[in-house]
Amino acid sequence: IPTAENHRHKAEMLLFSGSYELAALEFQRVLELDFRDEAAWGGLIQTARGRAEIPVTRFIEEMVELHPEPVVLLAAAQHHQLHSDYARSSELLERILETDAENVAVLERLCDVLASEGSLELAAVIEQLLAVDGENARALFHQATILQYQNRFDEAIAVVGRSIVTDPTNMRARNLLAILYTRTFQYD
């Protein structure tokens, strides 16, 4: 009898070879056996391309209805974010926050979603995330971006600098810092 692990290994092999539809079916088998398998969720989301996109989306929504637990809701939110359905992604993330308002991973994802859609709610979620984790690199990056749009470049430089100290590998923050320095450079 094939186990969830057997199906996951087969799915990973199919995904690597570019057989997205077959990989999607195998990842779905894994999740039917163990809906908490985060690796399988990550793989399934990667298969949602071309002809596999609609059936994968349908499967994800069915799993949200059957198992509305954080791991499923978070995976579904990521899927919808990748497919530019920001409203559905936000809705799923907010469902998680109803029972776990201090979930850093969910707050970070919600910041990304709200930033992608240009939502005015972003500032409030940044504040909520910074209240939980005062030096959260992602929240600081988004806060610096807002400051940049407000032409508050010196403040943005200070905030994005804090973000880089927290996460030196964050290339988005480093790029923003370069943009900010360019905007504030004074030619003699």
C-alpha atoms as a PDB file:
ATOM      1  CA  ILE A   1       0.000   0.000   0.000  1.00  0.00           C
ATOM      2  CA  PRO A   2       1.582   3.297  -1.077  1.00  0.00           C
ATOM      3  CA  THR A   3       2.132   5.754   1.750  1.00  0.00           C
ATOM      4  CA  ALA A   4       1.847   9.531   1.684  1.00  0.00           C
ATOM      5  CA  GLU A   5       5.631   9.659   1.570  1.00  0.00           C
ATOM      6  CA  ASN A   6       5.706   7.369  -1.504  1.00  0.00           C
ATOM      7  CA  HIS A   7       3.204   9.608  -3.295  1.00  0.00           C
ATOM      8  CA  ARG A   8       5.139  12.729  -2.306  1.00  0.00           C
ATOM      9  CA  HIS A   9       8.410  11.359  -3.690  1.00  0.00           C
ATOM     10  CA  LYS A  10       6.684  10.394  -6.935  1.00  0.00           C
ATOM     11  CA  ALA A  11       5.054  13.823  -7.125  1.00  0.00           C
ATOM     12  CA  GLU A  12       8.386  15.577  -6.561  1.00  0.00           C
ATOM     13  CA  MET A  13       9.964  13.534  -9.345  1.00  0.00           C
ATOM     14  CA  LEU A  14       7.080  14.392 -11.706  1.00  0.00           C
ATOM     15  CA  LEU A  15       7.255  18.068 -10.743  1.00  0.00           C
ATOM     16  CA  PHE A  16      10.989  18.132 -11.406  1.00  0.00           C
ATOM     17  CA  SER A  17      10.421  16.616 -14.847  1.00  0.00           C
ATOM     18  CA  GLY A  18       7.746  19.211 -15.689  1.00  0.00           C
ATOM     19  CA  SER A  19       4.770  16.837 -15.630  1.00  0.00           C
ATOM     20  CA  TYR A  20       2.612  19.273 -13.696  1.00  0.00           C
ATOM     21  CA  GLU A  21      -0.751  17.550 -14.153  1.00  0.00           C
ATOM     22  CA  LEU A  22       0.548  14.162 -13.001  1.00  0.00           C
ATOM     23  CA  ALA A  23       2.502  15.754 -10.155  1.00  0.00           C
ATOM     24  CA  ALA A  24      -0.649  17.588  -9.061  1.00  0.00           C
ATOM     25  CA  LEU A  25      -2.555  14.298  -8.869  1.00  0.00           C
ATOM     26  CA  GLU A  26       0.165  12.721  -6.731  1.00  0.00           C
ATOM     27  CA  PHE A  27       0.363  15.714  -4.390  1.00  0.00           C
ATOM     28  CA  GLN A  28      -3.418  15.549  -4.046  1.00  0.00           C
ATOM     29  CA  ARG A  29      -3.145  11.892  -3.043  1.00  0.00           C
ATOM     30  CA  VAL A  30      -0.619  12.867  -0.387  1.00  0.00           C
ATOM     31  CA  LEU A  31      -2.913  15.566   0.983  1.00  0.00           C
ATOM     32  CA  GLU A  32      -5.918  13.247   0.991  1.00  0.00           C
ATOM     33  CA  LEU A  33      -3.865  10.960   3.259  1.00  0.00           C
ATOM     34  CA  ASP A  34      -2.301  13.775   5.322  1.00  0.00           C
ATOM     35  CA  PHE A  35      -3.712  17.261   4.802  1.00  0.00           C
ATOM     36  CA  ARG A  36      -1.134  18.706   7.227  1.00  0.00           C
ATOM     37  CA  ASP A  37       1.818  17.843   4.950  1.00  0.00           C
ATOM     38  CA  GLU A  38       3.359  21.280   4.320  1.00  0.00           C
ATOM     39  CA  ALA A  39       5.836  19.966   1.749  1.00  0.00           C
ATOM     40  CA  ALA A  40       2.995  18.471  -0.286  1.00  0.00           C
ATOM     41  CA  TRP A  41       1.108  21.787  -0.155  1.00  0.00           C
ATOM     42  CA  GLY A  42       4.198  23.590  -1.412  1.00  0.00           C
ATOM     43  CA  GLY A  43       4.582  21.102  -4.248  1.00  0.00           C
ATOM     44  CA  LEU A  44       0.903  21.236  -5.187  1.00  0.00           C
ATOM     45  CA  ILE A  45       1.015  25.023  -5.415  1.00  0.00           C
ATOM     46  CA  GLN A  46       3.964  24.760  -7.824  1.00  0.00           C
ATOM     47  CA  THR A  47       1.947  22.479 -10.121  1.00  0.00           C
ATOM     48  CA  ALA A  48      -0.870  25.005 -10.642  1.00  0.00           C
ATOM     49  CA  ARG A  49       0.169  25.932 -14.163  1.00  0.00           C
ATOM     50  CA  GLY A  50      -1.487  25.603 -17.541  1.00  0.00           C
ATOM     51  CA  ARG A  51      -4.134  22.894 -17.653  1.00  0.00           C
ATOM     52  CA  ALA A  52      -3.438  21.886 -14.044  1.00  0.00           C
ATOM     53  CA  GLU A  53      -4.371  25.299 -12.625  1.00  0.00           C
ATOM     54  CA  ILE A  54      -8.172  24.901 -12.566  1.00  0.00           C
ATOM     55  CA  PRO A  55      -8.247  21.386 -11.060  1.00  0.00           C
ATOM     56  CA  VAL A  56      -5.618  22.354  -8.475  1.00  0.00           C
ATOM     57  CA  THR A  57      -7.614  25.435  -7.478  1.00  0.00           C
ATOM     58  CA  ARG A  58     -10.767  23.326  -7.194  1.00  0.00           C
ATOM     59  CA  PHE A  59      -8.946  20.756  -5.023  1.00  0.00           C
ATOM     60  CA  ILE A  60      -7.522  23.473  -2.773  1.00  0.00           C
ATOM     61  CA  GLU A  61     -10.942  25.034  -2.249  1.00  0.00           C
ATOM     62  CA  GLU A  62     -12.424  21.608  -1.431  1.00  0.00           C
ATOM     63  CA  MET A  63      -9.678  21.076   1.154  1.00  0.00           C
ATOM     64  CA  VAL A  64     -10.402  24.507   2.671  1.00  0.00           C
ATOM     65  CA  GLU A  65     -14.009  23.427   3.169  1.00  0.00           C
ATOM     66  CA  LEU A  66     -13.105  19.972   4.531  1.00  0.00           C
ATOM     67  CA  HIS A  67     -10.149  20.994   6.722  1.00  0.00           C
ATOM     68  CA  PRO A  68     -10.245  24.732   7.574  1.00  0.00           C
ATOM     69  CA  GLU A  69      -7.077  24.516   9.645  1.00  0.00           C
ATOM     70  CA  PRO A  70      -4.211  27.027   9.477  1.00  0.00           C
ATOM     71  CA  VAL A  71      -1.889  24.868   7.341  1.00  0.00           C
ATOM     72  CA  VAL A  72      -4.607  24.425   4.695  1.00  0.00           C
ATOM     73  CA  LEU A  73      -5.763  28.057   4.834  1.00  0.00           C
ATOM     74  CA  LEU A  74      -2.188  29.326   4.582  1.00  0.00           C
ATOM     75  CA  ALA A  75      -1.434  27.121   1.563  1.00  0.00           C
ATOM     76  CA  ALA A  76      -4.672  28.205  -0.111  1.00  0.00           C
ATOM     77  CA  ALA A  77      -3.833  31.850   0.571  1.00  0.00           C
ATOM     78  CA  GLN A  78      -0.407  31.396  -0.998  1.00  0.00           C
ATOM     79  CA  HIS A  79      -1.978  29.755  -4.056  1.00  0.00           C
ATOM     80  CA  HIS A  80      -4.464  32.585  -4.526  1.00  0.00           C
ATOM     81  CA  GLN A  81      -1.766  35.211  -4.004  1.00  0.00           C
ATOM     82  CA  LEU A  82       0.387  33.632  -6.726  1.00  0.00           C
ATOM     83  CA  HIS A  83      -2.606  33.759  -9.069  1.00  0.00           C
ATOM     84  CA  SER A  84      -3.335  37.421  -8.210  1.00  0.00           C
ATOM     85  CA  ASP A  85      -6.572  36.682  -6.368  1.00  0.00           C
ATOM     86  CA  TYR A  86      -5.583  38.981  -3.519  1.00  0.00           C
ATOM     87  CA  ALA A  87      -9.088  39.328  -2.094  1.00  0.00           C
ATOM     88  CA  ARG A  88      -9.435  35.562  -1.576  1.00  0.00           C
ATOM     89  CA  SER A  89      -5.897  35.330  -0.221  1.00  0.00           C
ATOM     90  CA  SER A  90      -6.586  38.122   2.307  1.00  0.00           C
ATOM     91  CA  GLU A  91      -9.854  36.487   3.338  1.00  0.00           C
ATOM     92  CA  LEU A  92      -8.138  33.168   4.067  1.00  0.00           C
ATOM     93  CA  LEU A  93      -5.312  34.805   6.020  1.00  0.00           C
ATOM     94  CA  GLU A  94      -7.772  36.824   8.093  1.00  0.00           C
ATOM     95  CA  ARG A  95      -9.601  33.586   8.976  1.00  0.00           C
ATOM     96  CA  ILE A  96      -6.385  32.290  10.516  1.00  0.00           C
ATOM     97  CA  LEU A  97      -5.819  35.546  12.394  1.00  0.00           C
ATOM     98  CA  GLU A  98      -9.283  35.288  13.957  1.00  0.00           C
ATOM     99  CA  THR A  99      -7.965  32.469  16.144  1.00  0.00           C
ATOM    100  CA  ASP A 100      -4.243  33.312  16.146  1.00  0.00           C
ATOM    101  CA  ALA A 101      -3.821  37.096  15.922  1.00  0.00           C
ATOM    102  CA  GLU A 102      -0.080  36.923  16.611  1.00  0.00           C
ATOM    103  CA  ASN A 103       0.884  34.394  13.929  1.00  0.00           C
ATOM    104  CA  VAL A 104       3.973  36.025  12.424  1.00  0.00           C
ATOM    105  CA  ALA A 105       4.023  33.936   9.221  1.00  0.00           C
ATOM    106  CA  VAL A 106       0.394  34.797   8.506  1.00  0.00           C
ATOM    107  CA  LEU A 107       0.892  38.493   9.268  1.00  0.00           C
ATOM    108  CA  GLU A 108       3.953  38.544   6.982  1.00  0.00           C
ATOM    109  CA  ARG A 109       2.012  36.904   4.160  1.00  0.00           C
ATOM    110  CA  LEU A 110      -0.889  39.318   4.691  1.00  0.00           C
ATOM    111  CA  CYS A 111       1.532  42.260   4.431  1.00  0.00           C
ATOM    112  CA  ASP A 112       2.776  40.893   1.104  1.00  0.00           C
ATOM    113  CA  VAL A 113      -0.755  40.364  -0.206  1.00  0.00           C
ATOM    114  CA  LEU A 114      -1.940  43.817   0.847  1.00  0.00           C
ATOM    115  CA  ALA A 115       1.173  45.410  -0.662  1.00  0.00           C
ATOM    116  CA  SER A 116       0.578  43.554  -3.939  1.00  0.00           C
ATOM    117  CA  GLU A 117      -2.948  44.894  -4.187  1.00  0.00           C
ATOM    118  CA  GLY A 118      -2.017  48.375  -2.948  1.00  0.00           C
ATOM    119  CA  SER A 119      -4.415  48.142  -0.028  1.00  0.00           C
ATOM    120  CA  LEU A 120      -4.772  50.939   2.477  1.00  0.00           C
ATOM    121  CA  GLU A 121      -5.028  48.265   5.194  1.00  0.00           C
ATOM    122  CA  LEU A 122      -1.304  47.533   4.833  1.00  0.00           C
ATOM    123  CA  ALA A 123      -0.205  50.141   7.382  1.00  0.00           C
ATOM    124  CA  ALA A 124      -2.469  48.661  10.079  1.00  0.00           C
ATOM    125  CA  VAL A 125      -1.184  45.119   9.464  1.00  0.00           C
ATOM    126  CA  ILE A 126       2.417  46.375   9.545  1.00  0.00           C
ATOM    127  CA  GLU A 127       1.723  47.916  12.967  1.00  0.00           C
ATOM    128  CA  GLN A 128       0.103  44.676  14.141  1.00  0.00           C
ATOM    129  CA  LEU A 129       3.118  42.664  12.976  1.00  0.00           C
ATOM    130  CA  LEU A 130       5.600  45.079  14.558  1.00  0.00           C
ATOM    131  CA  ALA A 131       3.645  44.869  17.833  1.00  0.00           C
ATOM    132  CA  VAL A 132       4.281  41.106  17.806  1.00  0.00           C
ATOM    133  CA  ASP A 133       7.841  41.265  16.420  1.00  0.00           C
ATOM    134  CA  GLY A 134       9.323  44.752  16.670  1.00  0.00           C
ATOM    135  CA  GLU A 135      12.194  44.035  14.294  1.00  0.00           C
ATOM    136  CA  ASN A 136      10.359  41.942  11.715  1.00  0.00           C
ATOM    137  CA  ALA A 137      12.305  42.414   8.483  1.00  0.00           C
ATOM    138  CA  ARG A 138       9.305  42.070   6.190  1.00  0.00           C
ATOM    139  CA  ALA A 139       7.179  44.557   8.150  1.00  0.00           C
ATOM    140  CA  LEU A 140      10.056  47.038   8.238  1.00  0.00           C
ATOM    141  CA  PHE A 141      10.553  46.657   4.476  1.00  0.00           C
ATOM    142  CA  HIS A 142       6.891  47.405   3.795  1.00  0.00           C
ATOM    143  CA  GLN A 143       6.947  50.310   6.244  1.00  0.00           C
ATOM    144  CA  ALA A 144       9.992  51.768   4.456  1.00  0.00           C
ATOM    145  CA  THR A 145       8.204  51.366   1.121  1.00  0.00           C
ATOM    146  CA  ILE A 146       5.233  53.355   2.422  1.00  0.00           C
ATOM    147  CA  LEU A 147       7.583  56.057   3.715  1.00  0.00           C
ATOM    148  CA  GLN A 148       9.223  56.207   0.283  1.00  0.00           C
ATOM    149  CA  TYR A 149       5.831  56.771  -1.385  1.00  0.00           C
ATOM    150  CA  GLN A 150       5.265  59.600   1.099  1.00  0.00           C
ATOM    151  CA  ASN A 151       8.619  61.150   0.036  1.00  0.00           C
ATOM    152  CA  ARG A 152       9.951  60.650   3.575  1.00  0.00           C
ATOM    153  CA  PHE A 153      13.259  59.316   2.288  1.00  0.00           C
ATOM    154  CA  ASP A 154      15.456  59.810   5.366  1.00  0.00           C
ATOM    155  CA  GLU A 155      12.951  57.957   7.554  1.00  0.00           C
ATOM    156  CA  ALA A 156      12.616  55.231   4.921  1.00  0.00           C
ATOM    157  CA  ILE A 157      16.413  54.795   4.829  1.00  0.00           C
ATOM    158  CA  ALA A 158      16.513  54.354   8.615  1.00  0.00           C
ATOM    159  CA  VAL A 159      13.662  51.825   8.600  1.00  0.00           C
ATOM    160  CA  VAL A 160      14.963  49.780   5.659  1.00  0.00           C
ATOM    161  CA  GLY A 161      18.374  49.787   7.353  1.00  0.00           C
ATOM    162  CA  ARG A 162      16.784  48.124  10.389  1.00  0.00           C
ATOM    163  CA  SER A 163      15.219  45.577   8.030  1.00  0.00           C
ATOM    164  CA  ILE A 164      18.606  44.755   6.514  1.00  0.00           C
ATOM    165  CA  VAL A 165      20.208  44.400   9.958  1.00  0.00           C
ATOM    166  CA  THR A 166      17.478  41.897  10.857  1.00  0.00           C
ATOM    167  CA  ASP A 167      17.773  40.020   7.542  1.00  0.00           C
ATOM    168  CA  PRO A 168      21.016  40.791   5.671  1.00  0.00           C
ATOM    169  CA  THR A 169      20.017  38.435   2.819  1.00  0.00           C
ATOM    170  CA  ASN A 170      16.843  40.377   1.930  1.00  0.00           C
ATOM    171  CA  MET A 171      17.590  41.586  -1.605  1.00  0.00           C
ATOM    172  CA  ARG A 172      14.308  43.506  -1.860  1.00  0.00           C
ATOM    173  CA  ALA A 173      15.350  45.614   1.128  1.00  0.00           C
ATOM    174  CA  ARG A 174      18.833  46.137  -0.297  1.00  0.00           C
ATOM    175  CA  ASN A 175      17.343  47.229  -3.627  1.00  0.00           C
ATOM    176  CA  LEU A 176      14.985  49.621  -1.854  1.00  0.00           C
ATOM    177  CA  LEU A 177      17.931  51.088   0.050  1.00  0.00           C
ATOM    178  CA  ALA A 178      19.770  51.692  -3.229  1.00  0.00           C
ATOM    179  CA  ILE A 179      16.683  53.389  -4.687  1.00  0.00           C
ATOM    180  CA  LEU A 180      16.329  55.561  -1.601  1.00  0.00           C
ATOM    181  CA  TYR A 181      19.985  56.624  -1.695  1.00  0.00           C
ATOM    182  CA  THR A 182      19.586  57.482  -5.388  1.00  0.00           C
ATOM    183  CA  ARG A 183      16.535  59.604  -4.577  1.00  0.00           C
ATOM    184  CA  THR A 184      18.363  61.517  -1.845  1.00  0.00           C
ATOM    185  CA  PHE A 185      21.735  61.958  -3.600  1.00  0.00           C
ATOM    186  CA  GLN A 186      22.632  65.621  -4.000  1.00  0.00           C
ATOM    187  CA  TYR A 187      24.831  66.523  -6.951  1.00  0.00           C
ATOM    188  CA  ASP A 188      27.417  69.243  -6.334  1.00  0.00           C
END
